[in-house]
Amino acid sequence: MRLGGKHSVFVPMTGAPFLRDLDDVRRNPTLDDLAMFHKLSHMMPALHSSR
């Protein structure tokens, strides 16, 4: 696989150390949060890989 210059790959990072919910409360993520993150990133056309 060639990377750099005209060759770019966009992938999500796996898991955040903290999350902020809709009430702006910082908390530790759960496995359910990670599963939802993977589902959402899989649906994004700009990302080439969801894993």
Protein backbone atom coordinates (compact mmCIF):
# COMPACT_ATOMS: atom_id res chain seq x y z
CA MET A 1 0.00 0.00 0.00
CA ARG A 2 1.37 3.40 -0.96
CA LEU A 3 0.81 6.25 1.49
CA GLY A 4 1.70 9.92 1.32
CA GLY A 5 1.49 12.58 -1.35
CA LYS A 6 -1.49 11.78 -3.57
CA HIS A 7 -2.07 8.48 -1.73
CA SER A 8 -4.15 9.02 1.41
CA VAL A 9 -6.14 6.63 3.55
CA PHE A 10 -8.78 7.92 5.98
CA VAL A 11 -9.61 5.67 8.94
CA PRO A 12 -11.11 6.35 12.37
CA MET A 13 -9.07 5.89 15.50
CA THR A 14 -10.25 3.14 17.79
CA GLY A 15 -11.82 4.29 20.99
CA ALA A 16 -11.66 7.61 22.75
CA PRO A 17 -10.19 7.98 26.25
CA PHE A 18 -13.22 10.11 27.22
CA LEU A 19 -16.60 11.04 25.75
CA ARG A 20 -18.89 14.02 26.18
CA ASP A 21 -22.61 13.29 26.14
CA LEU A 22 -25.40 15.61 24.99
CA ASP A 23 -25.50 17.19 28.46
CA ASP A 24 -21.78 18.07 28.06
CA VAL A 25 -20.79 15.61 30.80
CA ARG A 26 -17.35 14.02 30.41
CA ARG A 27 -17.34 10.27 31.07
CA ASN A 28 -15.45 7.08 30.33
CA PRO A 29 -16.59 5.21 27.20
CA THR A 30 -18.31 1.83 27.33
CA LEU A 31 -18.21 -1.12 24.93
CA ASP A 32 -21.62 0.02 23.67
CA ASP A 33 -20.11 3.42 22.84
CA LEU A 34 -17.32 1.74 20.89
CA ALA A 35 -19.82 -0.41 18.99
CA MET A 36 -21.85 2.69 18.08
CA PHE A 37 -18.66 4.48 16.99
CA HIS A 38 -17.85 1.60 14.63
CA LYS A 39 -21.38 1.59 13.23
CA LEU A 40 -21.30 5.34 12.57
CA SER A 41 -17.82 5.31 11.06
CA HIS A 42 -18.80 2.41 8.79
CA MET A 43 -21.59 4.56 7.34
CA MET A 44 -19.32 7.54 6.52
CA PRO A 45 -18.38 7.58 2.81
CA ALA A 46 -15.20 9.60 3.45
CA LEU A 47 -13.65 6.80 5.52
CA HIS A 48 -11.98 3.90 3.71
CA SER A 49 -11.99 1.46 6.61
CA SER A 50 -14.06 1.16 9.75
CA ARG A 51 -11.54 -1.06 11.58
